Amino acid sequence: MPLLARQHYQILGFSSAVSPAYRQKLLALGLLPGACFQVLRIAPLGDPLQIQAGRVSLMLRKKDLALLQLQPIAEAA
C-alpha cells in the first residue's frame, strides 16, 4: 500500500516478519497497535517519510513502515 502525504493511518498490528527486538523498538517509539499517525512529508526520492504519532515526529524508511499493518482513516471534518 503506498503511503500518501497528509494522510492519516491506524496501526492494526505488526507483520509476522518483524523480529521481537525490532518490534520492541517500534513500540518504544510509540507505534502501538491501535495508534494513529499522519504522514507529514515524503522525501523527494520517496524515502524516508516523516510521520507524526501523537506529539512525536519520526523519520522512518519505507521498509520499516512496511512491517506495520496499516489502515487508512478519514480525517475528522
PDB file of N, CA and C in Angstrom:
ATOM      1  N   MET A   1       0.852  -1.171   0.000  1.00  0.00           N
ATOM      2  CA  MET A   1       0.000   0.000   0.000  1.00  0.00           C
ATOM      3  C   MET A   1       0.901   1.238   0.000  1.00  0.00           C
ATOM      4  N   PRO A   2       0.745   2.113  -0.988  1.00  0.00           N
ATOM      5  CA  PRO A   2       1.547   3.342  -0.983  1.00  0.00           C
ATOM      6  C   PRO A   2       1.048   4.317   0.081  1.00  0.00           C
ATOM      7  N   LEU A   3       1.973   4.925   0.776  1.00  0.00           N
ATOM      8  CA  LEU A   3       1.621   5.905   1.802  1.00  0.00           C
ATOM      9  C   LEU A   3       1.607   7.288   1.178  1.00  0.00           C
ATOM     10  N   LEU A   4       0.599   8.074   1.500  1.00  0.00           N
ATOM     11  CA  LEU A   4       0.413   9.394   0.911  1.00  0.00           C
ATOM     12  C   LEU A   4       0.648  10.479   1.948  1.00  0.00           C
ATOM     13  N   ALA A   5       1.218  11.593   1.506  1.00  0.00           N
ATOM     14  CA  ALA A   5       1.444  12.729   2.397  1.00  0.00           C
ATOM     15  C   ALA A   5       0.108  13.286   2.865  1.00  0.00           C
ATOM     16  N   ARG A   6       0.069  13.747   4.101  1.00  0.00           N
ATOM     17  CA  ARG A   6      -1.097  14.339   4.763  1.00  0.00           C
ATOM     18  C   ARG A   6      -2.241  13.337   4.966  1.00  0.00           C
ATOM     19  N   GLN A   7      -1.965  12.055   4.828  1.00  0.00           N
ATOM     20  CA  GLN A   7      -2.967  11.015   5.064  1.00  0.00           C
ATOM     21  C   GLN A   7      -2.766  10.462   6.471  1.00  0.00           C
ATOM     22  N   HIS A   8      -3.857  10.104   7.123  1.00  0.00           N
ATOM     23  CA  HIS A   8      -3.814   9.502   8.459  1.00  0.00           C
ATOM     24  C   HIS A   8      -3.959   7.985   8.328  1.00  0.00           C
ATOM     25  N   TYR A   9      -3.245   7.265   9.183  1.00  0.00           N
ATOM     26  CA  TYR A   9      -3.277   5.804   9.183  1.00  0.00           C
ATOM     27  C   TYR A   9      -3.411   5.305  10.615  1.00  0.00           C
ATOM     28  N   GLN A  10      -4.069   4.162  10.754  1.00  0.00           N
ATOM     29  CA  GLN A  10      -4.161   3.491  12.046  1.00  0.00           C
ATOM     30  C   GLN A  10      -3.338   2.217  11.971  1.00  0.00           C
ATOM     31  N   ILE A  11      -2.594   1.942  13.035  1.00  0.00           N
ATOM     32  CA  ILE A  11      -1.773   0.736  13.104  1.00  0.00           C
ATOM     33  C   ILE A  11      -2.651  -0.401  13.606  1.00  0.00           C
ATOM     34  N   LEU A  12      -2.790  -1.433  12.792  1.00  0.00           N
ATOM     35  CA  LEU A  12      -3.595  -2.595  13.171  1.00  0.00           C
ATOM     36  C   LEU A  12      -2.755  -3.641  13.894  1.00  0.00           C
ATOM     37  N   GLY A  13      -1.473  -3.696  13.585  1.00  0.00           N
ATOM     38  CA  GLY A  13      -0.592  -4.679  14.201  1.00  0.00           C
ATOM     39  C   GLY A  13       0.738  -4.703  13.478  1.00  0.00           C
ATOM     40  N   PHE A  14       1.496  -5.756  13.709  1.00  0.00           N
ATOM     41  CA  PHE A  14       2.818  -5.901  13.118  1.00  0.00           C
ATOM     42  C   PHE A  14       2.838  -7.095  12.183  1.00  0.00           C
ATOM     43  N   SER A  15       3.685  -7.023  11.178  1.00  0.00           N
ATOM     44  CA  SER A  15       3.896  -8.137  10.267  1.00  0.00           C
ATOM     45  C   SER A  15       4.548  -9.290  11.025  1.00  0.00           C
ATOM     46  N   SER A  16       4.321 -10.493  10.558  1.00  0.00           N
ATOM     47  CA  SER A  16       4.962 -11.650  11.197  1.00  0.00           C
ATOM     48  C   SER A  16       6.464 -11.679  10.905  1.00  0.00           C
ATOM     49  N   ALA A  17       6.930 -10.872   9.940  1.00  0.00           N
ATOM     50  CA  ALA A  17       8.346 -10.847   9.573  1.00  0.00           C
ATOM     51  C   ALA A  17       9.194 -10.004  10.521  1.00  0.00           C
ATOM     52  N   VAL A  18       8.572  -9.218  11.385  1.00  0.00           N
ATOM     53  CA  VAL A  18       9.331  -8.337  12.277  1.00  0.00           C
ATOM     54  C   VAL A  18       9.903  -9.143  13.445  1.00  0.00           C
ATOM     55  N   SER A  19      11.174  -8.878  13.749  1.00  0.00           N
ATOM     56  CA  SER A  19      11.812  -9.591  14.860  1.00  0.00           C
ATOM     57  C   SER A  19      11.299  -9.030  16.186  1.00  0.00           C
ATOM     58  N   PRO A  20      11.312  -9.830  17.246  1.00  0.00           N
ATOM     59  CA  PRO A  20      10.848  -9.333  18.545  1.00  0.00           C
ATOM     60  C   PRO A  20      11.627  -8.111  19.036  1.00  0.00           C
ATOM     61  N   ALA A  21      12.934  -8.073  18.789  1.00  0.00           N
ATOM     62  CA  ALA A  21      13.740  -6.930  19.237  1.00  0.00           C
ATOM     63  C   ALA A  21      13.350  -5.661  18.484  1.00  0.00           C
ATOM     64  N   TYR A  22      13.146  -5.776  17.173  1.00  0.00           N
ATOM     65  CA  TYR A  22      12.776  -4.592  16.392  1.00  0.00           C
ATOM     66  C   TYR A  22      11.346  -4.164  16.712  1.00  0.00           C
ATOM     67  N   ARG A  23      10.496  -5.130  16.999  1.00  0.00           N
ATOM     68  CA  ARG A  23       9.125  -4.807  17.413  1.00  0.00           C
ATOM     69  C   ARG A  23       9.152  -3.967  18.692  1.00  0.00           C
ATOM     70  N   GLN A  24      10.029  -4.328  19.634  1.00  0.00           N
ATOM     71  CA  GLN A  24      10.160  -3.561  20.873  1.00  0.00           C
ATOM     72  C   GLN A  24      10.611  -2.134  20.591  1.00  0.00           C
ATOM     73  N   LYS A  25      11.522  -1.950  19.624  1.00  0.00           N
ATOM     74  CA  LYS A  25      11.968  -0.604  19.262  1.00  0.00           C
ATOM     75  C   LYS A  25      10.809   0.217  18.714  1.00  0.00           C
ATOM     76  N   LEU A  26      10.006  -0.391  17.837  1.00  0.00           N
ATOM     77  CA  LEU A  26       8.859   0.324  17.271  1.00  0.00           C
ATOM     78  C   LEU A  26       7.848   0.676  18.360  1.00  0.00           C
ATOM     79  N   LEU A  27       7.622  -0.241  19.285  1.00  0.00           N
ATOM     80  CA  LEU A  27       6.708   0.032  20.395  1.00  0.00           C
ATOM     81  C   LEU A  27       7.241   1.164  21.270  1.00  0.00           C
ATOM     82  N   ALA A  28       8.553   1.181  21.502  1.00  0.00           N
ATOM     83  CA  ALA A  28       9.159   2.235  22.319  1.00  0.00           C
ATOM     84  C   ALA A  28       9.047   3.600  21.651  1.00  0.00           C
ATOM     85  N   LEU A  29       8.983   3.627  20.322  1.00  0.00           N
ATOM     86  CA  LEU A  29       8.819   4.883  19.589  1.00  0.00           C
ATOM     87  C   LEU A  29       7.367   5.361  19.585  1.00  0.00           C
ATOM     88  N   GLY A  30       6.463   4.555  20.134  1.00  0.00           N
ATOM     89  CA  GLY A  30       5.063   4.951  20.199  1.00  0.00           C
ATOM     90  C   GLY A  30       4.210   4.392  19.082  1.00  0.00           C
ATOM     91  N   LEU A  31       4.760   3.481  18.294  1.00  0.00           N
ATOM     92  CA  LEU A  31       3.995   2.867  17.207  1.00  0.00           C
ATOM     93  C   LEU A  31       3.285   1.628  17.746  1.00  0.00           C
ATOM     94  N   LEU A  32       2.208   1.870  18.466  1.00  0.00           N
ATOM     95  CA  LEU A  32       1.448   0.825  19.148  1.00  0.00           C
ATOM     96  C   LEU A  32       0.248   0.406  18.316  1.00  0.00           C
ATOM     97  N   PRO A  33      -0.163  -0.861  18.396  1.00  0.00           N
ATOM     98  CA  PRO A  33      -1.403  -1.255  17.726  1.00  0.00           C
ATOM     99  C   PRO A  33      -2.572  -0.411  18.236  1.00  0.00           C
ATOM    100  N   GLY A  34      -3.357   0.103  17.314  1.00  0.00           N
ATOM    101  CA  GLY A  34      -4.477   0.971  17.654  1.00  0.00           C
ATOM    102  C   GLY A  34      -4.135   2.446  17.574  1.00  0.00           C
ATOM    103  N   ALA A  35      -2.842   2.771  17.563  1.00  0.00           N
ATOM    104  CA  ALA A  35      -2.420   4.174  17.482  1.00  0.00           C
ATOM    105  C   ALA A  35      -2.578   4.690  16.055  1.00  0.00           C
ATOM    106  N   CYS A  36      -2.735   5.997  15.938  1.00  0.00           N
ATOM    107  CA  CYS A  36      -2.863   6.643  14.637  1.00  0.00           C
ATOM    108  C   CYS A  36      -1.674   7.564  14.417  1.00  0.00           C
ATOM    109  N   PHE A  37      -1.319   7.736  13.156  1.00  0.00           N
ATOM    110  CA  PHE A  37      -0.274   8.692  12.808  1.00  0.00           C
ATOM    111  C   PHE A  37      -0.612   9.332  11.474  1.00  0.00           C
ATOM    112  N   GLN A  38       0.044  10.454  11.211  1.00  0.00           N
ATOM    113  CA  GLN A  38      -0.137  11.168   9.952  1.00  0.00           C
ATOM    114  C   GLN A  38       1.204  11.228   9.238  1.00  0.00           C
ATOM    115  N   VAL A  39       1.187  10.988   7.932  1.00  0.00           N
ATOM    116  CA  VAL A  39       2.386  11.180   7.124  1.00  0.00           C
ATOM    117  C   VAL A  39       2.482  12.674   6.836  1.00  0.00           C
ATOM    118  N   LEU A  40       3.533  13.314   7.346  1.00  0.00           N
ATOM    119  CA  LEU A  40       3.698  14.752   7.149  1.00  0.00           C
ATOM    120  C   LEU A  40       4.372  15.066   5.821  1.00  0.00           C
ATOM    121  N   ARG A  41       5.503  14.415   5.576  1.00  0.00           N
ATOM    122  CA  ARG A  41       6.265  14.686   4.358  1.00  0.00           C
ATOM    123  C   ARG A  41       6.907  13.412   3.851  1.00  0.00           C
ATOM    124  N   ILE A  42       7.140  13.404   2.541  1.00  0.00           N
ATOM    125  CA  ILE A  42       7.847  12.303   1.897  1.00  0.00           C
ATOM    126  C   ILE A  42       9.058  12.910   1.196  1.00  0.00           C
ATOM    127  N   ALA A  43      10.227  12.324   1.378  1.00  0.00           N
ATOM    128  CA  ALA A  43      11.448  12.827   0.757  1.00  0.00           C
ATOM    129  C   ALA A  43      11.303  12.818  -0.765  1.00  0.00           C
ATOM    130  N   PRO A  44      12.054  13.669  -1.472  1.00  0.00           N
ATOM    131  CA  PRO A  44      11.919  13.767  -2.930  1.00  0.00           C
ATOM    132  C   PRO A  44      12.058  12.444  -3.678  1.00  0.00           C
ATOM    133  N   LEU A  45      12.903  11.551  -3.218  1.00  0.00           N
ATOM    134  CA  LEU A  45      13.044  10.258  -3.886  1.00  0.00           C
ATOM    135  C   LEU A  45      12.132   9.193  -3.281  1.00  0.00           C
ATOM    136  N   GLY A  46      11.245   9.601  -2.374  1.00  0.00           N
ATOM    137  CA  GLY A  46      10.249   8.692  -1.831  1.00  0.00           C
ATOM    138  C   GLY A  46      10.625   7.994  -0.534  1.00  0.00           C
ATOM    139  N   ASP A  47      11.836   8.202  -0.045  1.00  0.00           N
ATOM    140  CA  ASP A  47      12.273   7.513   1.159  1.00  0.00           C
ATOM    141  C   ASP A  47      13.307   8.373   1.857  1.00  0.00           C
ATOM    142  N   PRO A  48      13.228   8.688   3.115  1.00  0.00           N
ATOM    143  CA  PRO A  48      12.279   8.263   4.144  1.00  0.00           C
ATOM    144  C   PRO A  48      11.033   9.144   4.172  1.00  0.00           C
ATOM    145  N   LEU A  49      10.146   8.817   5.120  1.00  0.00           N
ATOM    146  CA  LEU A  49       8.910   9.566   5.329  1.00  0.00           C
ATOM    147  C   LEU A  49       8.924  10.143   6.738  1.00  0.00           C
ATOM    148  N   GLN A  50       8.376  11.334   6.878  1.00  0.00           N
ATOM    149  CA  GLN A  50       8.225  11.929   8.205  1.00  0.00           C
ATOM    150  C   GLN A  50       6.797  11.686   8.656  1.00  0.00           C
ATOM    151  N   ILE A  51       6.651  11.098   9.837  1.00  0.00           N
ATOM    152  CA  ILE A  51       5.317  10.846  10.381  1.00  0.00           C
ATOM    153  C   ILE A  51       5.189  11.543  11.728  1.00  0.00           C
ATOM    154  N   GLN A  52       3.962  11.823  12.099  1.00  0.00           N
ATOM    155  CA  GLN A  52       3.662  12.393  13.417  1.00  0.00           C
ATOM    156  C   GLN A  52       2.718  11.430  14.113  1.00  0.00           C
ATOM    157  N   ALA A  53       3.176  10.873  15.226  1.00  0.00           N
ATOM    158  CA  ALA A  53       2.371   9.969  16.045  1.00  0.00           C
ATOM    159  C   ALA A  53       2.221  10.622  17.409  1.00  0.00           C
ATOM    160  N   GLY A  54       1.063  11.194  17.658  1.00  0.00           N
ATOM    161  CA  GLY A  54       0.875  11.938  18.898  1.00  0.00           C
ATOM    162  C   GLY A  54       1.727  13.190  18.869  1.00  0.00           C
ATOM    163  N   ARG A  55       2.558  13.362  19.890  1.00  0.00           N
ATOM    164  CA  ARG A  55       3.442  14.529  19.951  1.00  0.00           C
ATOM    165  C   ARG A  55       4.834  14.221  19.419  1.00  0.00           C
ATOM    166  N   VAL A  56       5.035  13.026  18.884  1.00  0.00           N
ATOM    167  CA  VAL A  56       6.346  12.592  18.414  1.00  0.00           C
ATOM    168  C   VAL A  56       6.401  12.650  16.892  1.00  0.00           C
ATOM    169  N   SER A  57       7.455  13.256  16.369  1.00  0.00           N
ATOM    170  CA  SER A  57       7.692  13.305  14.930  1.00  0.00           C
ATOM    171  C   SER A  57       8.878  12.397  14.622  1.00  0.00           C
ATOM    172  N   LEU A  58       8.705  11.475  13.672  1.00  0.00           N
ATOM    173  CA  LEU A  58       9.736  10.490  13.347  1.00  0.00           C
ATOM    174  C   LEU A  58      10.012  10.475  11.852  1.00  0.00           C
ATOM    175  N   MET A  59      11.248  10.149  11.491  1.00  0.00           N
ATOM    176  CA  MET A  59      11.614   9.873  10.103  1.00  0.00           C
ATOM    177  C   MET A  59      11.837   8.365  10.019  1.00  0.00           C
ATOM    178  N   LEU A  60      11.057   7.689   9.179  1.00  0.00           N
ATOM    179  CA  LEU A  60      11.171   6.238   9.044  1.00  0.00           C
ATOM    180  C   LEU A  60      11.304   5.862   7.576  1.00  0.00           C
ATOM    181  N   ARG A  61      12.031   4.781   7.343  1.00  0.00           N
ATOM    182  CA  ARG A  61      12.169   4.260   5.985  1.00  0.00           C
ATOM    183  C   ARG A  61      10.908   3.491   5.610  1.00  0.00           C
ATOM    184  N   LYS A  62      10.691   3.377   4.308  1.00  0.00           N
ATOM    185  CA  LYS A  62       9.530   2.629   3.824  1.00  0.00           C
ATOM    186  C   LYS A  62       9.578   1.178   4.287  1.00  0.00           C
ATOM    187  N   LYS A  63      10.786   0.602   4.324  1.00  0.00           N
ATOM    188  CA  LYS A  63      10.875  -0.807   4.729  1.00  0.00           C
ATOM    189  C   LYS A  63      10.488  -0.998   6.194  1.00  0.00           C
ATOM    190  N   ASP A  64      10.709   0.033   7.020  1.00  0.00           N
ATOM    191  CA  ASP A  64      10.279  -0.044   8.415  1.00  0.00           C
ATOM    192  C   ASP A  64       8.761   0.068   8.519  1.00  0.00           C
ATOM    193  N   LEU A  65       8.188   0.975   7.751  1.00  0.00           N
ATOM    194  CA  LEU A  65       6.729   1.131   7.771  1.00  0.00           C
ATOM    195  C   LEU A  65       6.028  -0.074   7.147  1.00  0.00           C
ATOM    196  N   ALA A  66       6.724  -0.794   6.260  1.00  0.00           N
ATOM    197  CA  ALA A  66       6.138  -1.989   5.652  1.00  0.00           C
ATOM    198  C   ALA A  66       5.949  -3.107   6.677  1.00  0.00           C
ATOM    199  N   LEU A  67       6.626  -3.014   7.822  1.00  0.00           N
ATOM    200  CA  LEU A  67       6.476  -4.018   8.877  1.00  0.00           C
ATOM    201  C   LEU A  67       5.209  -3.805   9.699  1.00  0.00           C
ATOM    202  N   LEU A  68       4.521  -2.693   9.459  1.00  0.00           N
ATOM    203  CA  LEU A  68       3.279  -2.388  10.171  1.00  0.00           C
ATOM    204  C   LEU A  68       2.086  -2.730   9.298  1.00  0.00           C
ATOM    205  N   GLN A  69       1.050  -3.252   9.909  1.00  0.00           N
ATOM    206  CA  GLN A  69      -0.222  -3.456   9.209  1.00  0.00           C
ATOM    207  C   GLN A  69      -1.032  -2.186   9.416  1.00  0.00           C
ATOM    208  N   LEU A  70      -1.289  -1.474   8.316  1.00  0.00           N
ATOM    209  CA  LEU A  70      -1.908  -0.157   8.395  1.00  0.00           C
ATOM    210  C   LEU A  70      -3.268  -0.133   7.722  1.00  0.00           C
ATOM    211  N   GLN A  71      -4.094   0.781   8.202  1.00  0.00           N
ATOM    212  CA  GLN A  71      -5.398   1.033   7.588  1.00  0.00           C
ATOM    213  C   GLN A  71      -5.540   2.546   7.447  1.00  0.00           C
ATOM    214  N   PRO A  72      -5.799   3.046   6.231  1.00  0.00           N
ATOM    215  CA  PRO A  72      -6.027   4.485   6.088  1.00  0.00           C
ATOM    216  C   PRO A  72      -7.311   4.881   6.814  1.00  0.00           C
ATOM    217  N   ILE A  73      -7.302   6.042   7.422  1.00  0.00           N
ATOM    218  CA  ILE A  73      -8.512   6.531   8.083  1.00  0.00           C
ATOM    219  C   ILE A  73      -8.839   7.908   7.531  1.00  0.00           C
ATOM    220  N   ALA A  74     -10.117   8.213   7.512  1.00  0.00           N
ATOM    221  CA  ALA A  74     -10.571   9.514   7.028  1.00  0.00           C
ATOM    222  C   ALA A  74     -10.341  10.549   8.115  1.00  0.00           C
ATOM    223  N   GLU A  75      -9.977  11.746   7.691  1.00  0.00           N
ATOM    224  CA  GLU A  75      -9.793  12.834   8.647  1.00  0.00           C
ATOM    225  C   GLU A  75     -11.141  13.275   9.176  1.00  0.00           C
ATOM    226  N   ALA A  76     -11.178  13.645  10.441  1.00  0.00           N
ATOM    227  CA  ALA A  76     -12.409  14.179  11.034  1.00  0.00           C
ATOM    228  C   ALA A  76     -12.627  15.585  10.499  1.00  0.00           C
ATOM    229  N   ALA A  77     -13.812  15.854  10.014  1.00  0.00           N
ATOM    230  CA  ALA A  77     -14.095  17.171   9.425  1.00  0.00           C
ATOM    231  C   ALA A  77     -14.449  18.179  10.484  1.00  0.00           C
TER     232      ALA A  77
END
